[in-house]
Each structure stands twice: as structure tokens, then as C-alpha cells.
C-alpha atoms as a PDB file:
ATOM      1  CA  MET A   1       0.000   0.000   0.000  1.00  0.00           C
ATOM      2  CA  ARG A   2       1.183   3.477  -0.867  1.00  0.00           C
ATOM      3  CA  LEU A   3      -0.014   7.044  -0.689  1.00  0.00           C
ATOM      4  CA  ALA A   4      -0.613   8.697  -4.051  1.00  0.00           C
ATOM      5  CA  LEU A   5      -2.053  11.859  -5.572  1.00  0.00           C
ATOM      6  CA  VAL A   6      -4.586  11.619  -8.390  1.00  0.00           C
ATOM      7  CA  LYS A   7      -3.088  13.402 -11.391  1.00  0.00           C
ATOM      8  CA  GLY A   8      -5.656  12.690 -14.093  1.00  0.00           C
ATOM      9  CA  HIS A   9      -7.923  10.303 -15.945  1.00  0.00           C
ATOM     10  CA  ALA A  10      -6.787   7.555 -18.292  1.00  0.00           C
ATOM     11  CA  THR A  11      -8.820   6.844 -21.403  1.00  0.00           C
ATOM     12  CA  SER A  12      -8.507   3.965 -23.811  1.00  0.00           C
ATOM     13  CA  THR A  13     -10.178   3.169 -27.102  1.00  0.00           C
ATOM     14  CA  VAL A  14      -9.178  -0.494 -26.794  1.00  0.00           C
ATOM     15  CA  LYS A  15      -8.758  -2.287 -23.478  1.00  0.00           C
ATOM     16  CA  HIS A  16      -9.037  -5.713 -21.934  1.00  0.00           C
ATOM     17  CA  HIS A  17     -12.692  -6.780 -21.622  1.00  0.00           C
ATOM     18  CA  SER A  18     -12.348  -7.092 -17.820  1.00  0.00           C
ATOM     19  CA  LEU A  19     -11.694  -3.334 -17.578  1.00  0.00           C
ATOM     20  CA  GLU A  20     -14.862  -2.304 -19.445  1.00  0.00           C
ATOM     21  CA  GLY A  21     -16.912   0.017 -17.267  1.00  0.00           C
ATOM     22  CA  TRP A  22     -14.113   0.653 -14.763  1.00  0.00           C
ATOM     23  CA  ARG A  23     -12.834   4.170 -14.123  1.00  0.00           C
ATOM     24  CA  LEU A  24      -9.085   4.401 -14.704  1.00  0.00           C
ATOM     25  CA  LEU A  25      -7.022   7.166 -13.098  1.00  0.00           C
ATOM     26  CA  VAL A  26      -3.382   8.225 -13.163  1.00  0.00           C
ATOM     27  CA  ALA A  27      -2.015   8.230  -9.606  1.00  0.00           C
ATOM     28  CA  GLN A  28       1.426   9.527  -8.616  1.00  0.00           C
ATOM     29  CA  PRO A  29       2.860   7.668  -5.590  1.00  0.00           C
ATOM     30  CA  VAL A  30       4.191  10.137  -3.010  1.00  0.00           C
ATOM     31  CA  ASP A  31       6.258  10.051   0.161  1.00  0.00           C
ATOM     32  CA  SER A  32       5.146  11.469   3.525  1.00  0.00           C
ATOM     33  CA  SER A  33       5.970  15.003   2.306  1.00  0.00           C
ATOM     34  CA  ASP A  34       3.892  14.584  -0.887  1.00  0.00           C
ATOM     35  CA  ARG A  35       7.016  14.428  -3.086  1.00  0.00           C
ATOM     36  CA  PRO A  36       6.847  12.013  -6.055  1.00  0.00           C
ATOM     37  CA  ASP A  37       8.092   8.552  -5.119  1.00  0.00           C
ATOM     38  CA  GLY A  38       8.332   6.409  -8.248  1.00  0.00           C
ATOM     39  CA  PRO A  39       6.563   6.464 -11.594  1.00  0.00           C
ATOM     40  CA  PRO A  40       2.840   7.281 -11.972  1.00  0.00           C
ATOM     41  CA  GLN A  41       0.505   4.281 -12.069  1.00  0.00           C
ATOM     42  CA  ILE A  42      -2.796   3.560 -13.809  1.00  0.00           C
ATOM     43  CA  VAL A  43      -5.225   2.577 -11.037  1.00  0.00           C
ATOM     44  CA  LEU A  44      -8.765   1.211 -10.909  1.00  0.00           C
ATOM     45  CA  ASP A  45     -11.098   3.575  -9.058  1.00  0.00           C
ATOM     46  CA  SER A  46     -14.293   2.357  -7.427  1.00  0.00           C
ATOM     47  CA  PHE A  47     -14.469   5.271  -4.962  1.00  0.00           C
ATOM     48  CA  GLY A  48     -14.899   8.271  -7.255  1.00  0.00           C
ATOM     49  CA  ALA A  49     -11.608   9.959  -6.371  1.00  0.00           C
ATOM     50  CA  ALA A  50     -11.202  13.504  -7.678  1.00  0.00           C
ATOM     51  CA  LEU A  51      -8.270  15.248  -9.321  1.00  0.00           C
ATOM     52  CA  HIS A  52      -5.528  16.149  -6.783  1.00  0.00           C
ATOM     53  CA  GLN A  53      -7.030  14.017  -3.998  1.00  0.00           C
ATOM     54  CA  LYS A  54      -4.712  11.923  -1.867  1.00  0.00           C
ATOM     55  CA  VAL A  55      -5.546   8.220  -2.055  1.00  0.00           C
ATOM     56  CA  LEU A  56      -4.265   4.918  -0.735  1.00  0.00           C
ATOM     57  CA  ILE A  57      -3.306   2.535  -3.555  1.00  0.00           C
ATOM     58  CA  SER A  58      -2.324  -1.116  -3.650  1.00  0.00           C
ATOM     59  CA  SER A  59      -0.424  -3.166  -6.205  1.00  0.00           C
ATOM     60  CA  ASP A  60      -2.060  -6.432  -5.111  1.00  0.00           C
ATOM     61  CA  GLY A  61      -2.855  -7.793  -8.558  1.00  0.00           C
ATOM     62  CA  ALA A  62      -4.753 -10.813  -7.192  1.00  0.00           C
ATOM     63  CA  GLU A  63      -7.229  -8.557  -5.382  1.00  0.00           C
ATOM     64  CA  ALA A  64      -7.521  -6.240  -8.388  1.00  0.00           C
ATOM     65  CA  ARG A  65      -8.345  -9.234 -10.596  1.00  0.00           C
ATOM     66  CA  LYS A  66     -10.981 -10.359  -8.060  1.00  0.00           C
ATOM     67  CA  MET A  67     -12.438  -6.858  -8.103  1.00  0.00           C
ATOM     68  CA  VAL A  68     -12.897  -6.889 -11.887  1.00  0.00           C
ATOM     69  CA  GLY A  69     -14.052 -10.517 -11.877  1.00  0.00           C
ATOM     70  CA  SER A  70     -11.402 -12.018 -14.164  1.00  0.00           C
ATOM     71  CA  GLU A  71      -8.382 -14.083 -13.183  1.00  0.00           C
ATOM     72  CA  PHE A  72      -6.834 -13.246 -16.578  1.00  0.00           C
ATOM     73  CA  SER A  73      -7.214  -9.457 -16.247  1.00  0.00           C
ATOM     74  CA  PRO A  74      -4.105  -7.264 -16.567  1.00  0.00           C
ATOM     75  CA  ALA A  75      -5.400  -5.197 -13.607  1.00  0.00           C
ATOM     76  CA  ARG A  76      -2.829  -4.628 -10.886  1.00  0.00           C
ATOM     77  CA  TRP A  77      -3.154  -1.246  -9.143  1.00  0.00           C
ATOM     78  CA  MET A  78      -6.341  -0.136  -7.389  1.00  0.00           C
ATOM     79  CA  ILE A  79      -7.491   2.571  -5.017  1.00  0.00           C
ATOM     80  CA  LEU A  80      -8.216   1.268  -1.526  1.00  0.00           C
ATOM     81  CA  GLY A  81      -9.518   4.541  -0.116  1.00  0.00           C
ATOM     82  CA  ILE A  82      -9.531   8.323  -0.243  1.00  0.00           C
ATOM     83  CA  ILE A  83      -7.526  10.163   2.421  1.00  0.00           C
ATOM     84  CA  ASP A  84      -9.626  12.818   4.144  1.00  0.00           C
ATOM     85  CA  PRO A  85      -7.290  15.706   5.122  1.00  0.00           C
ATOM     86  CA  GLU A  86      -9.879  16.961   7.634  1.00  0.00           C
ATOM     87  CA  ARG A  87      -9.613  13.720   9.591  1.00  0.00           C
ATOM     88  CA  SER A  88      -5.870  13.058   9.267  1.00  0.00           C
ATOM     89  CA  LEU A  89      -4.011  12.847  12.543  1.00  0.00           C
ATOM     90  CA  ALA A  90      -1.025  15.123  13.057  1.00  0.00           C
ATOM     91  CA  LEU A  91       1.931  13.233  14.509  1.00  0.00           C
END
């Protein structure tokens, strides 16, 4: 699991049938100071995350494939939740 910032939407004219109907976003993994930490990832979004929102993402491909209902899906990254800055605890 990693923190990431939503940077945009991904669109595709041709994609694997298991991804039909799924919202795809571009998420930039970040460190604790919101600095980029690795390359951006295409993630499945079932939460309705908005542009520039901080999210929690996972690269658990097995769970992503369960989510889309296909063991042969190329899905890997998915959003696990949206981070609410109003409720974040200051350490």
C-alpha cells in the first residue's frame, strides 16, 4: 500500500474486456511530504476519487483481478480509499 495523488484520468479506445466500465485514473505515488516517489501508475477507481485528492493505492494484482471478476485481467493497481485531510491525525 502506498499514498498517491490523483493526477488525471486515463482513457482507452481499446482495453481488456475485464476493464470495461471501470474508471481508470493516473495516480502519482508520493512520500510522507507529498514528493513524487516512483513512476505514476494507472489505477482502478471504485471510490470516485477527484483530481488532486490523496488516495491509498495497492499493487495487489490478485485482489484487483478479483475486483474486476477475471483471473486473466491485466489489472494490478487499485485505489483502496480516499484520504480525508480533515480527519488526518497530526503526529
